[in-house]
């Protein structure tokens, strides 16, 4: 049971849920959806990015794009809110490409 919870919070379900919540929030202009996307990604960013880059704070810095996008949305700066989505989308796409093109022995 614990493994499923950890996989859900730290794995692909969290990445995809965060991306979908962020997109839904920007399309419908709902501040709360974009904020929830930022909260969903916090464990992933802190654990994975912190482990690979050496500091959990660097992982949290990555997730600041979610919250900055929410603030831009709140201030009606839609272009900025959408532009802040680009690095996260690029990261998820790059990670998906790496995982899907792995060779299995």
PDB file of N, CA and C in Angstrom:
ATOM      1  N   UNK A   1       0.820  -1.192   0.000  1.00  0.00           N
ATOM      2  CA  UNK A   1       0.000   0.000   0.000  1.00  0.00           C
ATOM      3  C   UNK A   1       0.866   1.258   0.000  1.00  0.00           C
ATOM      4  N   UNK A   2       1.934   1.240   0.787  1.00  0.00           N
ATOM      5  CA  UNK A   2       2.823   2.393   0.868  1.00  0.00           C
ATOM      6  C   UNK A   2       3.520   2.643  -0.462  1.00  0.00           C
ATOM      7  N   UNK A   3       3.904   1.565  -1.150  1.00  0.00           N
ATOM      8  CA  UNK A   3       4.583   1.713  -2.430  1.00  0.00           C
ATOM      9  C   UNK A   3       3.695   2.412  -3.453  1.00  0.00           C
ATOM     10  N   UNK A   4       2.424   2.077  -3.468  1.00  0.00           N
ATOM     11  CA  UNK A   4       1.487   2.696  -4.410  1.00  0.00           C
ATOM     12  C   UNK A   4       1.350   4.184  -4.107  1.00  0.00           C
ATOM     13  N   UNK A   5       1.267   4.540  -2.845  1.00  0.00           N
ATOM     14  CA  UNK A   5       1.164   5.946  -2.458  1.00  0.00           C
ATOM     15  C   UNK A   5       2.416   6.718  -2.867  1.00  0.00           C
ATOM     16  N   UNK A   6       3.579   6.139  -2.634  1.00  0.00           N
ATOM     17  CA  UNK A   6       4.832   6.792  -3.006  1.00  0.00           C
ATOM     18  C   UNK A   6       4.932   6.941  -4.515  1.00  0.00           C
ATOM     19  N   UNK A   7       4.558   5.905  -5.258  1.00  0.00           N
ATOM     20  CA  UNK A   7       4.601   5.980  -6.716  1.00  0.00           C
ATOM     21  C   UNK A   7       3.627   7.025  -7.247  1.00  0.00           C
ATOM     22  N   UNK A   8       2.494   7.173  -6.604  1.00  0.00           N
ATOM     23  CA  UNK A   8       1.507   8.154  -7.039  1.00  0.00           C
ATOM     24  C   UNK A   8       1.988   9.575  -6.772  1.00  0.00           C
ATOM     25  N   UNK A   9       2.590   9.793  -5.618  1.00  0.00           N
ATOM     26  CA  UNK A   9       3.031  11.132  -5.247  1.00  0.00           C
ATOM     27  C   UNK A   9       4.315  11.538  -5.964  1.00  0.00           C
ATOM     28  N   UNK A  10       5.215  10.586  -6.170  1.00  0.00           N
ATOM     29  CA  UNK A  10       6.522  10.911  -6.727  1.00  0.00           C
ATOM     30  C   UNK A  10       6.716  10.472  -8.167  1.00  0.00           C
ATOM     31  N   UNK A  11       5.729   9.921  -8.803  1.00  0.00           N
ATOM     32  CA  UNK A  11       5.922   9.378 -10.142  1.00  0.00           C
ATOM     33  C   UNK A  11       5.136  10.098 -11.227  1.00  0.00           C
ATOM     34  N   UNK A  12       4.885   9.349 -12.283  1.00  0.00           N
ATOM     35  CA  UNK A  12       4.189   9.895 -13.442  1.00  0.00           C
ATOM     36  C   UNK A  12       2.788  10.418 -13.136  1.00  0.00           C
ATOM     37  N   UNK A  13       2.025   9.780 -12.262  1.00  0.00           N
ATOM     38  CA  UNK A  13       0.699  10.344 -11.968  1.00  0.00           C
ATOM     39  C   UNK A  13       0.768  11.782 -11.454  1.00  0.00           C
ATOM     40  N   UNK A  14       1.767  12.089 -10.639  1.00  0.00           N
ATOM     41  CA  UNK A  14       1.912  13.451 -10.131  1.00  0.00           C
ATOM     42  C   UNK A  14       2.308  14.415 -11.244  1.00  0.00           C
ATOM     43  N   UNK A  15       3.220  13.981 -12.112  1.00  0.00           N
ATOM     44  CA  UNK A  15       3.635  14.841 -13.223  1.00  0.00           C
ATOM     45  C   UNK A  15       2.474  15.147 -14.163  1.00  0.00           C
ATOM     46  N   UNK A  16       1.752  14.110 -14.523  1.00  0.00           N
ATOM     47  CA  UNK A  16       0.636  14.287 -15.458  1.00  0.00           C
ATOM     48  C   UNK A  16      -0.503  15.066 -14.822  1.00  0.00           C
ATOM     49  N   UNK A  17      -0.829  14.775 -13.569  1.00  0.00           N
ATOM     50  CA  UNK A  17      -1.896  15.506 -12.886  1.00  0.00           C
ATOM     51  C   UNK A  17      -1.547  16.982 -12.751  1.00  0.00           C
ATOM     52  N   UNK A  18      -0.290  17.266 -12.459  1.00  0.00           N
ATOM     53  CA  UNK A  18       0.138  18.653 -12.337  1.00  0.00           C
ATOM     54  C   UNK A  18       0.032  19.376 -13.676  1.00  0.00           C
ATOM     55  N   UNK A  19       0.479  18.732 -14.738  1.00  0.00           N
ATOM     56  CA  UNK A  19       0.409  19.343 -16.061  1.00  0.00           C
ATOM     57  C   UNK A  19      -1.035  19.577 -16.487  1.00  0.00           C
ATOM     58  N   UNK A  20      -1.897  18.598 -16.265  1.00  0.00           N
ATOM     59  CA  UNK A  20      -3.307  18.747 -16.644  1.00  0.00           C
ATOM     60  C   UNK A  20      -4.014  19.814 -15.814  1.00  0.00           C
ATOM     61  N   UNK A  21      -3.714  19.862 -14.522  1.00  0.00           N
ATOM     62  CA  UNK A  21      -4.325  20.889 -13.670  1.00  0.00           C
ATOM     63  C   UNK A  21      -3.850  22.272 -14.084  1.00  0.00           C
ATOM     64  N   UNK A  22      -2.581  22.383 -14.432  1.00  0.00           N
ATOM     65  CA  UNK A  22      -2.041  23.665 -14.863  1.00  0.00           C
ATOM     66  C   UNK A  22      -2.696  24.109 -16.169  1.00  0.00           C
ATOM     67  N   UNK A  23      -2.779  23.190 -17.130  1.00  0.00           N
ATOM     68  CA  UNK A  23      -3.427  23.523 -18.401  1.00  0.00           C
ATOM     69  C   UNK A  23      -4.892  23.896 -18.205  1.00  0.00           C
ATOM     70  N   UNK A  24      -5.606  23.130 -17.400  1.00  0.00           N
ATOM     71  CA  UNK A  24      -7.019  23.426 -17.142  1.00  0.00           C
ATOM     72  C   UNK A  24      -7.172  24.777 -16.461  1.00  0.00           C
ATOM     73  N   UNK A  25      -6.274  25.087 -15.543  1.00  0.00           N
ATOM     74  CA  UNK A  25      -6.330  26.373 -14.861  1.00  0.00           C
ATOM     75  C   UNK A  25      -6.078  27.542 -15.795  1.00  0.00           C
ATOM     76  N   UNK A  26      -5.137  27.375 -16.717  1.00  0.00           N
ATOM     77  CA  UNK A  26      -4.852  28.463 -17.655  1.00  0.00           C
ATOM     78  C   UNK A  26      -5.960  28.628 -18.685  1.00  0.00           C
ATOM     79  N   UNK A  27      -6.512  27.526 -19.156  1.00  0.00           N
ATOM     80  CA  UNK A  27      -7.585  27.605 -20.151  1.00  0.00           C
ATOM     81  C   UNK A  27      -8.841  28.223 -19.545  1.00  0.00           C
ATOM     82  N   UNK A  28      -9.186  27.803 -18.333  1.00  0.00           N
ATOM     83  CA  UNK A  28     -10.404  28.322 -17.697  1.00  0.00           C
ATOM     84  C   UNK A  28     -10.150  29.570 -16.859  1.00  0.00           C
ATOM     85  N   UNK A  29      -8.881  29.991 -16.769  1.00  0.00           N
ATOM     86  CA  UNK A  29      -8.473  31.171 -15.997  1.00  0.00           C
ATOM     87  C   UNK A  29      -8.856  31.051 -14.529  1.00  0.00           C
ATOM     88  N   UNK A  30      -8.628  29.855 -13.981  1.00  0.00           N
ATOM     89  CA  UNK A  30      -8.914  29.579 -12.567  1.00  0.00           C
ATOM     90  C   UNK A  30      -7.603  29.541 -11.788  1.00  0.00           C
ATOM     91  N   UNK A  31      -7.439  30.508 -10.930  1.00  0.00           N
ATOM     92  CA  UNK A  31      -6.239  30.643 -10.106  1.00  0.00           C
ATOM     93  C   UNK A  31      -6.017  29.415  -9.240  1.00  0.00           C
ATOM     94  N   UNK A  32      -7.069  28.883  -8.666  1.00  0.00           N
ATOM     95  CA  UNK A  32      -6.956  27.775  -7.720  1.00  0.00           C
ATOM     96  C   UNK A  32      -6.435  26.500  -8.394  1.00  0.00           C
ATOM     97  N   UNK A  33      -6.769  26.282  -9.654  1.00  0.00           N
ATOM     98  CA  UNK A  33      -6.263  25.100 -10.364  1.00  0.00           C
ATOM     99  C   UNK A  33      -4.760  25.197 -10.603  1.00  0.00           C
ATOM    100  N   UNK A  34      -4.298  26.385 -10.942  1.00  0.00           N
ATOM    101  CA  UNK A  34      -2.864  26.556 -11.169  1.00  0.00           C
ATOM    102  C   UNK A  34      -2.098  26.410  -9.848  1.00  0.00           C
ATOM    103  N   UNK A  35      -2.677  26.924  -8.763  1.00  0.00           N
ATOM    104  CA  UNK A  35      -2.046  26.770  -7.451  1.00  0.00           C
ATOM    105  C   UNK A  35      -2.022  25.293  -7.026  1.00  0.00           C
ATOM    106  N   UNK A  36      -3.098  24.576  -7.296  1.00  0.00           N
ATOM    107  CA  UNK A  36      -3.126  23.154  -6.935  1.00  0.00           C
ATOM    108  C   UNK A  36      -2.107  22.371  -7.763  1.00  0.00           C
ATOM    109  N   UNK A  37      -1.870  22.773  -9.003  1.00  0.00           N
ATOM    110  CA  UNK A  37      -0.836  22.125  -9.817  1.00  0.00           C
ATOM    111  C   UNK A  37       0.537  22.319  -9.176  1.00  0.00           C
ATOM    112  N   UNK A  38       0.774  23.494  -8.641  1.00  0.00           N
ATOM    113  CA  UNK A  38       2.037  23.745  -7.949  1.00  0.00           C
ATOM    114  C   UNK A  38       2.186  22.911  -6.696  1.00  0.00           C
ATOM    115  N   UNK A  39       1.102  22.715  -5.982  1.00  0.00           N
ATOM    116  CA  UNK A  39       1.143  21.906  -4.764  1.00  0.00           C
ATOM    117  C   UNK A  39       1.338  20.429  -5.103  1.00  0.00           C
ATOM    118  N   UNK A  40       0.716  19.982  -6.196  1.00  0.00           N
ATOM    119  CA  UNK A  40       0.858  18.584  -6.613  1.00  0.00           C
ATOM    120  C   UNK A  40       2.304  18.259  -6.967  1.00  0.00           C
ATOM    121  N   UNK A  41       3.016  19.195  -7.579  1.00  0.00           N
ATOM    122  CA  UNK A  41       4.372  18.916  -8.056  1.00  0.00           C
ATOM    123  C   UNK A  41       5.438  19.094  -6.978  1.00  0.00           C
ATOM    124  N   UNK A  42       5.110  19.694  -5.850  1.00  0.00           N
ATOM    125  CA  UNK A  42       6.114  19.947  -4.814  1.00  0.00           C
ATOM    126  C   UNK A  42       6.858  18.698  -4.343  1.00  0.00           C
ATOM    127  N   UNK A  43       6.186  17.585  -4.009  1.00  0.00           N
ATOM    128  CA  UNK A  43       6.962  16.405  -3.574  1.00  0.00           C
ATOM    129  C   UNK A  43       7.910  15.887  -4.651  1.00  0.00           C
ATOM    130  N   UNK A  44       7.452  15.857  -5.897  1.00  0.00           N
ATOM    131  CA  UNK A  44       8.310  15.405  -6.998  1.00  0.00           C
ATOM    132  C   UNK A  44       9.521  16.316  -7.130  1.00  0.00           C
ATOM    133  N   UNK A  45       9.287  17.605  -7.152  1.00  0.00           N
ATOM    134  CA  UNK A  45      10.380  18.554  -7.333  1.00  0.00           C
ATOM    135  C   UNK A  45      11.374  18.479  -6.183  1.00  0.00           C
ATOM    136  N   UNK A  46      10.880  18.389  -4.986  1.00  0.00           N
ATOM    137  CA  UNK A  46      11.778  18.340  -3.836  1.00  0.00           C
ATOM    138  C   UNK A  46      12.585  17.046  -3.808  1.00  0.00           C
ATOM    139  N   UNK A  47      11.954  15.929  -4.082  1.00  0.00           N
ATOM    140  CA  UNK A  47      12.634  14.638  -3.991  1.00  0.00           C
ATOM    141  C   UNK A  47      13.566  14.389  -5.171  1.00  0.00           C
ATOM    142  N   UNK A  48      13.039  14.403  -6.385  1.00  0.00           N
ATOM    143  CA  UNK A  48      13.846  14.043  -7.542  1.00  0.00           C
ATOM    144  C   UNK A  48      14.847  15.111  -7.933  1.00  0.00           C
ATOM    145  N   UNK A  49      14.379  16.318  -8.104  1.00  0.00           N
ATOM    146  CA  UNK A  49      15.303  17.355  -8.529  1.00  0.00           C
ATOM    147  C   UNK A  49      16.312  17.664  -7.438  1.00  0.00           C
ATOM    148  N   UNK A  50      15.888  17.582  -6.200  1.00  0.00           N
ATOM    149  CA  UNK A  50      16.818  17.793  -5.104  1.00  0.00           C
ATOM    150  C   UNK A  50      17.863  16.700  -5.024  1.00  0.00           C
ATOM    151  N   UNK A  51      17.458  15.471  -5.286  1.00  0.00           N
ATOM    152  CA  UNK A  51      18.401  14.352  -5.221  1.00  0.00           C
ATOM    153  C   UNK A  51      19.411  14.416  -6.361  1.00  0.00           C
ATOM    154  N   UNK A  52      18.971  14.775  -7.552  1.00  0.00           N
ATOM    155  CA  UNK A  52      19.873  14.786  -8.698  1.00  0.00           C
ATOM    156  C   UNK A  52      20.735  16.037  -8.756  1.00  0.00           C
ATOM    157  N   UNK A  53      20.226  17.142  -8.281  1.00  0.00           N
ATOM    158  CA  UNK A  53      21.011  18.373  -8.333  1.00  0.00           C
ATOM    159  C   UNK A  53      21.751  18.637  -7.028  1.00  0.00           C
ATOM    160  N   UNK A  54      21.475  17.865  -5.997  1.00  0.00           N
ATOM    161  CA  UNK A  54      22.226  17.969  -4.768  1.00  0.00           C
ATOM    162  C   UNK A  54      21.581  18.797  -3.673  1.00  0.00           C
ATOM    163  N   UNK A  55      20.484  19.457  -3.965  1.00  0.00           N
ATOM    164  CA  UNK A  55      19.838  20.276  -2.944  1.00  0.00           C
ATOM    165  C   UNK A  55      18.344  20.282  -3.171  1.00  0.00           C
ATOM    166  N   UNK A  56      17.590  20.006  -2.121  1.00  0.00           N
ATOM    167  CA  UNK A  56      16.139  20.040  -2.229  1.00  0.00           C
ATOM    168  C   UNK A  56      15.614  21.418  -2.583  1.00  0.00           C
ATOM    169  N   UNK A  57      16.359  22.445  -2.218  1.00  0.00           N
ATOM    170  CA  UNK A  57      15.911  23.802  -2.530  1.00  0.00           C
ATOM    171  C   UNK A  57      15.961  24.076  -4.023  1.00  0.00           C
ATOM    172  N   UNK A  58      16.904  23.445  -4.725  1.00  0.00           N
ATOM    173  CA  UNK A  58      16.932  23.615  -6.178  1.00  0.00           C
ATOM    174  C   UNK A  58      15.696  22.982  -6.815  1.00  0.00           C
ATOM    175  N   UNK A  59      15.243  21.878  -6.257  1.00  0.00           N
ATOM    176  CA  UNK A  59      14.019  21.254  -6.748  1.00  0.00           C
ATOM    177  C   UNK A  59      12.813  22.129  -6.502  1.00  0.00           C
ATOM    178  N   UNK A  60      12.785  22.783  -5.362  1.00  0.00           N
ATOM    179  CA  UNK A  60      11.672  23.688  -5.074  1.00  0.00           C
ATOM    180  C   UNK A  60      11.709  24.910  -5.984  1.00  0.00           C
ATOM    181  N   UNK A  61      12.918  25.333  -6.355  1.00  0.00           N
ATOM    182  CA  UNK A  61      13.034  26.467  -7.265  1.00  0.00           C
ATOM    183  C   UNK A  61      12.395  26.145  -8.613  1.00  0.00           C
ATOM    184  N   UNK A  62      12.520  24.884  -9.046  1.00  0.00           N
ATOM    185  CA  UNK A  62      11.918  24.466 -10.312  1.00  0.00           C
ATOM    186  C   UNK A  62      10.403  24.620 -10.276  1.00  0.00           C
ATOM    187  N   UNK A  63       9.818  24.328  -9.135  1.00  0.00           N
ATOM    188  CA  UNK A  63       8.365  24.396  -9.034  1.00  0.00           C
ATOM    189  C   UNK A  63       7.844  25.818  -8.852  1.00  0.00           C
ATOM    190  N   UNK A  64       8.718  26.782  -8.711  1.00  0.00           N
ATOM    191  CA  UNK A  64       8.276  28.169  -8.590  1.00  0.00           C
ATOM    192  C   UNK A  64       7.562  28.657  -9.850  1.00  0.00           C
ATOM    193  N   UNK A  65       7.841  28.037 -10.981  1.00  0.00           N
ATOM    194  CA  UNK A  65       7.144  28.407 -12.215  1.00  0.00           C
ATOM    195  C   UNK A  65       5.641  28.239 -12.093  1.00  0.00           C
ATOM    196  N   UNK A  66       5.218  27.213 -11.370  1.00  0.00           N
ATOM    197  CA  UNK A  66       3.787  26.999 -11.144  1.00  0.00           C
ATOM    198  C   UNK A  66       3.184  28.172 -10.391  1.00  0.00           C
ATOM    199  N   UNK A  67       3.839  28.565  -9.313  1.00  0.00           N
ATOM    200  CA  UNK A  67       3.288  29.625  -8.476  1.00  0.00           C
ATOM    201  C   UNK A  67       3.422  30.994  -9.146  1.00  0.00           C
ATOM    202  N   UNK A  68       4.512  31.202  -9.880  1.00  0.00           N
ATOM    203  CA  UNK A  68       4.656  32.452 -10.635  1.00  0.00           C
ATOM    204  C   UNK A  68       3.585  32.549 -11.719  1.00  0.00           C
ATOM    205  N   UNK A  69       3.267  31.425 -12.331  1.00  0.00           N
ATOM    206  CA  UNK A  69       2.206  31.404 -13.330  1.00  0.00           C
ATOM    207  C   UNK A  69       0.853  31.728 -12.697  1.00  0.00           C
ATOM    208  N   UNK A  70       0.617  31.231 -11.494  1.00  0.00           N
ATOM    209  CA  UNK A  70      -0.632  31.524 -10.795  1.00  0.00           C
ATOM    210  C   UNK A  70      -0.734  33.010 -10.473  1.00  0.00           C
ATOM    211  N   UNK A  71       0.375  33.601 -10.068  1.00  0.00           N
ATOM    212  CA  UNK A  71       0.366  35.035  -9.777  1.00  0.00           C
ATOM    213  C   UNK A  71       0.133  35.836 -11.049  1.00  0.00           C
ATOM    214  N   UNK A  72       0.779  35.424 -12.143  1.00  0.00           N
ATOM    215  CA  UNK A  72       0.563  36.107 -13.424  1.00  0.00           C
ATOM    216  C   UNK A  72      -0.898  35.974 -13.866  1.00  0.00           C
ATOM    217  N   UNK A  73      -1.479  34.819 -13.647  1.00  0.00           N
ATOM    218  CA  UNK A  73      -2.889  34.605 -13.986  1.00  0.00           C
ATOM    219  C   UNK A  73      -3.786  35.510 -13.149  1.00  0.00           C
ATOM    220  N   UNK A  74      -3.461  35.633 -11.873  1.00  0.00           N
ATOM    221  CA  UNK A  74      -4.239  36.483 -10.969  1.00  0.00           C
ATOM    222  C   UNK A  74      -4.187  37.953 -11.404  1.00  0.00           C
ATOM    223  N   UNK A  75      -3.032  38.357 -11.971  1.00  0.00           N
ATOM    224  CA  UNK A  75      -2.863  39.740 -12.414  1.00  0.00           C
ATOM    225  C   UNK A  75      -3.271  39.935 -13.877  1.00  0.00           C
ATOM    226  N   UNK A  76      -3.907  38.932 -14.463  1.00  0.00           N
ATOM    227  CA  UNK A  76      -4.398  38.970 -15.845  1.00  0.00           C
ATOM    228  C   UNK A  76      -3.283  39.112 -16.880  1.00  0.00           C
ATOM    229  N   UNK A  77      -2.120  38.568 -16.600  1.00  0.00           N
ATOM    230  CA  UNK A  77      -1.011  38.549 -17.557  1.00  0.00           C
ATOM    231  C   UNK A  77      -0.950  37.150 -18.160  1.00  0.00           C
ATOM    232  N   UNK A  78      -1.854  36.895 -19.080  1.00  0.00           N
ATOM    233  CA  UNK A  78      -2.024  35.548 -19.616  1.00  0.00           C
ATOM    234  C   UNK A  78      -0.808  35.064 -20.407  1.00  0.00           C
ATOM    235  N   UNK A  79      -0.193  35.941 -21.178  1.00  0.00           N
ATOM    236  CA  UNK A  79       0.964  35.521 -21.965  1.00  0.00           C
ATOM    237  C   UNK A  79       2.092  35.051 -21.049  1.00  0.00           C
ATOM    238  N   UNK A  80       2.350  35.788 -19.987  1.00  0.00           N
ATOM    239  CA  UNK A  80       3.381  35.397 -19.035  1.00  0.00           C
ATOM    240  C   UNK A  80       3.027  34.078 -18.349  1.00  0.00           C
ATOM    241  N   UNK A  81       1.765  33.909 -18.002  1.00  0.00           N
ATOM    242  CA  UNK A  81       1.332  32.660 -17.365  1.00  0.00           C
ATOM    243  C   UNK A  81       1.567  31.471 -18.292  1.00  0.00           C
ATOM    244  N   UNK A  82       1.269  31.631 -19.578  1.00  0.00           N
ATOM    245  CA  UNK A  82       1.500  30.548 -20.532  1.00  0.00           C
ATOM    246  C   UNK A  82       2.992  30.323 -20.770  1.00  0.00           C
ATOM    247  N   UNK A  83       3.781  31.399 -20.807  1.00  0.00           N
ATOM    248  CA  UNK A  83       5.226  31.243 -21.018  1.00  0.00           C
ATOM    249  C   UNK A  83       5.896  30.523 -19.858  1.00  0.00           C
ATOM    250  N   UNK A  84       5.389  30.704 -18.664  1.00  0.00           N
ATOM    251  CA  UNK A  84       5.956  30.010 -17.511  1.00  0.00           C
ATOM    252  C   UNK A  84       5.648  28.513 -17.529  1.00  0.00           C
ATOM    253  N   UNK A  85       4.699  28.103 -18.343  1.00  0.00           N
ATOM    254  CA  UNK A  85       4.374  26.685 -18.509  1.00  0.00           C
ATOM    255  C   UNK A  85       5.410  25.979 -19.391  1.00  0.00           C
ATOM    256  N   UNK A  86       6.072  26.725 -20.267  1.00  0.00           N
ATOM    257  CA  UNK A  86       6.986  26.126 -21.249  1.00  0.00           C
ATOM    258  C   UNK A  86       8.136  25.319 -20.632  1.00  0.00           C
ATOM    259  N   UNK A  87       8.869  25.821 -19.641  1.00  0.00           N
ATOM    260  CA  UNK A  87       9.972  25.002 -19.105  1.00  0.00           C
ATOM    261  C   UNK A  87       9.499  23.684 -18.486  1.00  0.00           C
ATOM    262  N   UNK A  88       8.369  23.711 -17.817  1.00  0.00           N
ATOM    263  CA  UNK A  88       7.850  22.492 -17.203  1.00  0.00           C
ATOM    264  C   UNK A  88       7.432  21.494 -18.274  1.00  0.00           C
ATOM    265  N   UNK A  89       6.766  21.965 -19.311  1.00  0.00           N
ATOM    266  CA  UNK A  89       6.351  21.096 -20.407  1.00  0.00           C
ATOM    267  C   UNK A  89       7.571  20.504 -21.103  1.00  0.00           C
ATOM    268  N   UNK A  90       8.597  21.306 -21.301  1.00  0.00           N
ATOM    269  CA  UNK A  90       9.834  20.827 -21.909  1.00  0.00           C
ATOM    270  C   UNK A  90      10.491  19.762 -21.027  1.00  0.00           C
ATOM    271  N   UNK A  91      10.510  19.992 -19.721  1.00  0.00           N
ATOM    272  CA  UNK A  91      11.103  19.026 -18.791  1.00  0.00           C
ATOM    273  C   UNK A  91      10.341  17.701 -18.806  1.00  0.00           C
ATOM    274  N   UNK A  92       9.015  17.756 -18.739  1.00  0.00           N
ATOM    275  CA  UNK A  92       8.212  16.530 -18.745  1.00  0.00           C
ATOM    276  C   UNK A  92       8.380  15.795 -20.075  1.00  0.00           C
ATOM    277  N   UNK A  93       8.401  16.540 -21.172  1.00  0.00           N
ATOM    278  CA  UNK A  93       8.610  15.917 -22.476  1.00  0.00           C
ATOM    279  C   UNK A  93       9.973  15.255 -22.591  1.00  0.00           C
ATOM    280  N   UNK A  94      11.009  15.931 -22.090  1.00  0.00           N
ATOM    281  CA  UNK A  94      12.351  15.373 -22.120  1.00  0.00           C
ATOM    282  C   UNK A  94      12.444  14.120 -21.248  1.00  0.00           C
ATOM    283  N   UNK A  95      11.840  14.180 -20.080  1.00  0.00           N
ATOM    284  CA  UNK A  95      11.845  13.028 -19.183  1.00  0.00           C
ATOM    285  C   UNK A  95      11.092  11.845 -19.805  1.00  0.00           C
ATOM    286  N   UNK A  96       9.957  12.115 -20.445  1.00  0.00           N
ATOM    287  CA  UNK A  96       9.191  11.061 -21.104  1.00  0.00           C
ATOM    288  C   UNK A  96      10.000  10.442 -22.251  1.00  0.00           C
ATOM    289  N   UNK A  97      10.690  11.275 -23.013  1.00  0.00           N
ATOM    290  CA  UNK A  97      11.510  10.770 -24.108  1.00  0.00           C
ATOM    291  C   UNK A  97      12.620   9.859 -23.579  1.00  0.00           C
ATOM    292  N   UNK A  98      13.280  10.283 -22.506  1.00  0.00           N
ATOM    293  CA  UNK A  98      14.354   9.481 -21.922  1.00  0.00           C
ATOM    294  C   UNK A  98      13.829   8.132 -21.442  1.00  0.00           C
ATOM    295  N   UNK A  99      12.685   8.149 -20.796  1.00  0.00           N
ATOM    296  CA  UNK A  99      12.118   6.899 -20.268  1.00  0.00           C
ATOM    297  C   UNK A  99      11.665   5.985 -21.402  1.00  0.00           C
ATOM    298  N   UNK A 100      11.019   6.542 -22.408  1.00  0.00           N
ATOM    299  CA  UNK A 100      10.473   5.716 -23.479  1.00  0.00           C
ATOM    300  C   UNK A 100      11.534   5.176 -24.442  1.00  0.00           C
ATOM    301  N   UNK A 101      12.694   5.819 -24.496  1.00  0.00           N
ATOM    302  CA  UNK A 101      13.726   5.340 -25.421  1.00  0.00           C
ATOM    303  C   UNK A 101      14.811   4.542 -24.716  1.00  0.00           C
ATOM    304  N   UNK A 102      14.582   4.143 -23.486  1.00  0.00           N
ATOM    305  CA  UNK A 102      15.557   3.308 -22.800  1.00  0.00           C
ATOM    306  C   UNK A 102      15.636   1.939 -23.467  1.00  0.00           C
ATOM    307  N   UNK A 103      16.829   1.405 -23.476  1.00  0.00           N
ATOM    308  CA  UNK A 103      16.956   0.042 -23.991  1.00  0.00           C
ATOM    309  C   UNK A 103      16.933  -0.920 -22.813  1.00  0.00           C
ATOM    310  N   UNK A 104      16.200  -1.989 -22.966  1.00  0.00           N
ATOM    311  CA  UNK A 104      16.100  -2.992 -21.932  1.00  0.00           C
ATOM    312  C   UNK A 104      17.004  -4.161 -22.292  1.00  0.00           C
ATOM    313  N   UNK A 105      17.708  -4.667 -21.340  1.00  0.00           N
ATOM    314  CA  UNK A 105      18.634  -5.796 -21.609  1.00  0.00           C
ATOM    315  C   UNK A 105      18.057  -7.061 -21.091  1.00  0.00           C
TER     316      UNK A 105
END
